[in-house]
Amino acid sequence: VNALVVETILQKVAIVLVVAMLQKCVQYVFVVIAVIV
């Protein structure tokens, strides 16, 4: 397995994880706003 391929896969996985966490954070923010308002 090429090291460059592994690095590319890891970067894609990291991006997916970051996007998923951001989406969860946004959902929590909307819930908090909905509760306050």
PDB file of N, CA and C in Angstrom:
ATOM      1  N   VAL A   1       0.856  -1.200   0.000  1.00  0.00           N
ATOM      2  CA  VAL A   1       0.000   0.000   0.000  1.00  0.00           C
ATOM      3  C   VAL A   1       0.885   1.242   0.000  1.00  0.00           C
ATOM      4  N   ASN A   2       0.543   2.176  -0.860  1.00  0.00           N
ATOM      5  CA  ASN A   2       1.343   3.391  -0.983  1.00  0.00           C
ATOM      6  C   ASN A   2       1.069   4.321   0.199  1.00  0.00           C
ATOM      7  N   ALA A   3       2.119   4.917   0.733  1.00  0.00           N
ATOM      8  CA  ALA A   3       1.976   5.815   1.887  1.00  0.00           C
ATOM      9  C   ALA A   3       1.123   7.025   1.505  1.00  0.00           C
ATOM     10  N   LEU A   4       1.248   7.468   0.264  1.00  0.00           N
ATOM     11  CA  LEU A   4       0.476   8.630  -0.180  1.00  0.00           C
ATOM     12  C   LEU A   4      -1.019   8.311  -0.180  1.00  0.00           C
ATOM     13  N   VAL A   5      -1.360   7.089  -0.581  1.00  0.00           N
ATOM     14  CA  VAL A   5      -2.765   6.666  -0.590  1.00  0.00           C
ATOM     15  C   VAL A   5      -3.316   6.653   0.830  1.00  0.00           C
ATOM     16  N   VAL A   6      -2.537   6.103   1.762  1.00  0.00           N
ATOM     17  CA  VAL A   6      -2.961   6.051   3.161  1.00  0.00           C
ATOM     18  C   VAL A   6      -3.174   7.459   3.692  1.00  0.00           C
ATOM     19  N   GLU A   7      -2.251   8.356   3.369  1.00  0.00           N
ATOM     20  CA  GLU A   7      -2.355   9.740   3.844  1.00  0.00           C
ATOM     21  C   GLU A   7      -3.609  10.409   3.289  1.00  0.00           C
ATOM     22  N   THR A   8      -3.894  10.170   2.011  1.00  0.00           N
ATOM     23  CA  THR A   8      -5.084  10.756   1.385  1.00  0.00           C
ATOM     24  C   THR A   8      -6.344  10.229   2.043  1.00  0.00           C
ATOM     25  N   ILE A   9      -6.401   8.919   2.304  1.00  0.00           N
ATOM     26  CA  ILE A   9      -7.570   8.316   2.950  1.00  0.00           C
ATOM     27  C   ILE A   9      -7.749   8.903   4.352  1.00  0.00           C
ATOM     28  N   LEU A  10      -6.659   9.031   5.097  1.00  0.00           N
ATOM     29  CA  LEU A  10      -6.747   9.590   6.450  1.00  0.00           C
ATOM     30  C   LEU A  10      -7.259  11.026   6.413  1.00  0.00           C
ATOM     31  N   GLN A  11      -6.801  11.797   5.428  1.00  0.00           N
ATOM     32  CA  GLN A  11      -7.266  13.180   5.321  1.00  0.00           C
ATOM     33  C   GLN A  11      -8.762  13.216   5.035  1.00  0.00           C
ATOM     34  N   LYS A  12      -9.233  12.323   4.145  1.00  0.00           N
ATOM     35  CA  LYS A  12     -10.663  12.299   3.825  1.00  0.00           C
ATOM     36  C   LYS A  12     -11.481  11.902   5.044  1.00  0.00           C
ATOM     37  N   VAL A  13     -10.994  10.902   5.786  1.00  0.00           N
ATOM     38  CA  VAL A  13     -11.695  10.465   6.996  1.00  0.00           C
ATOM     39  C   VAL A  13     -11.752  11.607   8.002  1.00  0.00           C
ATOM     40  N   ALA A  14     -10.650  12.321   8.163  1.00  0.00           N
ATOM     41  CA  ALA A  14     -10.600  13.441   9.112  1.00  0.00           C
ATOM     42  C   ALA A  14     -11.599  14.523   8.712  1.00  0.00           C
ATOM     43  N   ILE A  15     -11.669  14.816   7.418  1.00  0.00           N
ATOM     44  CA  ILE A  15     -12.606  15.847   6.946  1.00  0.00           C
ATOM     45  C   ILE A  15     -14.040  15.421   7.225  1.00  0.00           C
ATOM     46  N   VAL A  16     -14.355  14.151   6.956  1.00  0.00           N
ATOM     47  CA  VAL A  16     -15.711  13.646   7.198  1.00  0.00           C
ATOM     48  C   VAL A  16     -16.054  13.754   8.681  1.00  0.00           C
ATOM     49  N   LEU A  17     -15.097  13.391   9.557  1.00  0.00           N
ATOM     50  CA  LEU A  17     -15.348  13.463  11.001  1.00  0.00           C
ATOM     51  C   LEU A  17     -15.581  14.909  11.437  1.00  0.00           C
ATOM     52  N   VAL A  18     -14.767  15.823  10.930  1.00  0.00           N
ATOM     53  CA  VAL A  18     -14.918  17.240  11.297  1.00  0.00           C
ATOM     54  C   VAL A  18     -16.272  17.768  10.843  1.00  0.00           C
ATOM     55  N   VAL A  19     -16.669  17.433   9.617  1.00  0.00           N
ATOM     56  CA  VAL A  19     -17.963  17.893   9.092  1.00  0.00           C
ATOM     57  C   VAL A  19     -19.104  17.323   9.941  1.00  0.00           C
ATOM     58  N   ALA A  20     -18.995  16.050  10.312  1.00  0.00           N
ATOM     59  CA  ALA A  20     -20.045  15.435  11.128  1.00  0.00           C
ATOM     60  C   ALA A  20     -20.148  16.129  12.483  1.00  0.00           C
ATOM     61  N   MET A  21     -19.004  16.434  13.096  1.00  0.00           N
ATOM     62  CA  MET A  21     -19.021  17.112  14.398  1.00  0.00           C
ATOM     63  C   MET A  21     -19.616  18.509  14.268  1.00  0.00           C
ATOM     64  N   LEU A  22     -19.269  19.218  13.183  1.00  0.00           N
ATOM     65  CA  LEU A  22     -19.817  20.567  12.976  1.00  0.00           C
ATOM     66  C   LEU A  22     -21.330  20.509  12.816  1.00  0.00           C
ATOM     67  N   GLN A  23     -21.823  19.496  12.080  1.00  0.00           N
ATOM     68  CA  GLN A  23     -23.269  19.365  11.891  1.00  0.00           C
ATOM     69  C   GLN A  23     -23.958  19.120  13.222  1.00  0.00           C
ATOM     70  N   LYS A  24     -23.360  18.277  14.085  1.00  0.00           N
ATOM     71  CA  LYS A  24     -23.946  18.016  15.397  1.00  0.00           C
ATOM     72  C   LYS A  24     -23.946  19.295  16.236  1.00  0.00           C
ATOM     73  N   CYS A  25     -22.849  20.051  16.177  1.00  0.00           N
ATOM     74  CA  CYS A  25     -22.776  21.302  16.936  1.00  0.00           C
ATOM     75  C   CYS A  25     -23.859  22.264  16.468  1.00  0.00           C
ATOM     76  N   VAL A  26     -24.052  22.366  15.157  1.00  0.00           N
ATOM     77  CA  VAL A  26     -25.071  23.265  14.616  1.00  0.00           C
ATOM     78  C   VAL A  26     -26.454  22.826  15.092  1.00  0.00           C
ATOM     79  N   GLN A  27     -26.706  21.506  15.100  1.00  0.00           N
ATOM     80  CA  GLN A  27     -27.998  21.011  15.569  1.00  0.00           C
ATOM     81  C   GLN A  27     -28.213  21.385  17.029  1.00  0.00           C
ATOM     82  N   TYR A  28     -27.177  21.214  17.871  1.00  0.00           N
ATOM     83  CA  TYR A  28     -27.306  21.569  19.285  1.00  0.00           C
ATOM     84  C   TYR A  28     -27.588  23.058  19.449  1.00  0.00           C
ATOM     85  N   VAL A  29     -26.917  23.889  18.629  1.00  0.00           N
ATOM     86  CA  VAL A  29     -27.128  25.338  18.705  1.00  0.00           C
ATOM     87  C   VAL A  29     -28.576  25.669  18.367  1.00  0.00           C
ATOM     88  N   PHE A  30     -29.108  25.031  17.310  1.00  0.00           N
ATOM     89  CA  PHE A  30     -30.505  25.288  16.931  1.00  0.00           C
ATOM     90  C   PHE A  30     -31.454  24.861  18.044  1.00  0.00           C
ATOM     91  N   VAL A  31     -31.165  23.722  18.684  1.00  0.00           N
ATOM     92  CA  VAL A  31     -32.017  23.247  19.775  1.00  0.00           C
ATOM     93  C   VAL A  31     -31.981  24.249  20.930  1.00  0.00           C
ATOM     94  N   VAL A  32     -30.794  24.733  21.278  1.00  0.00           N
ATOM     95  CA  VAL A  32     -30.665  25.703  22.374  1.00  0.00           C
ATOM     96  C   VAL A  32     -31.427  26.980  22.037  1.00  0.00           C
ATOM     97  N   ILE A  33     -31.274  27.453  20.801  1.00  0.00           N
ATOM     98  CA  ILE A  33     -31.992  28.665  20.381  1.00  0.00           C
ATOM     99  C   ILE A  33     -33.498  28.432  20.460  1.00  0.00           C
ATOM    100  N   ALA A  34     -33.955  27.268  20.000  1.00  0.00           N
ATOM    101  CA  ALA A  34     -35.379  26.968  20.022  1.00  0.00           C
ATOM    102  C   ALA A  34     -35.899  26.945  21.458  1.00  0.00           C
ATOM    103  N   VAL A  35     -35.108  26.403  22.381  1.00  0.00           N
ATOM    104  CA  VAL A  35     -35.522  26.331  23.787  1.00  0.00           C
ATOM    105  C   VAL A  35     -35.581  27.738  24.381  1.00  0.00           C
ATOM    106  N   ILE A  36     -34.578  28.559  24.080  1.00  0.00           N
ATOM    107  CA  ILE A  36     -34.536  29.920  24.633  1.00  0.00           C
ATOM    108  C   ILE A  36     -35.675  30.751  24.053  1.00  0.00           C
ATOM    109  N   VAL A  37     -35.892  30.654  22.753  1.00  0.00           N
ATOM    110  CA  VAL A  37     -36.951  31.441  22.095  1.00  0.00           C
ATOM    111  C   VAL A  37     -38.279  30.718  22.273  1.00  0.00           C
TER     112      VAL A  37
END
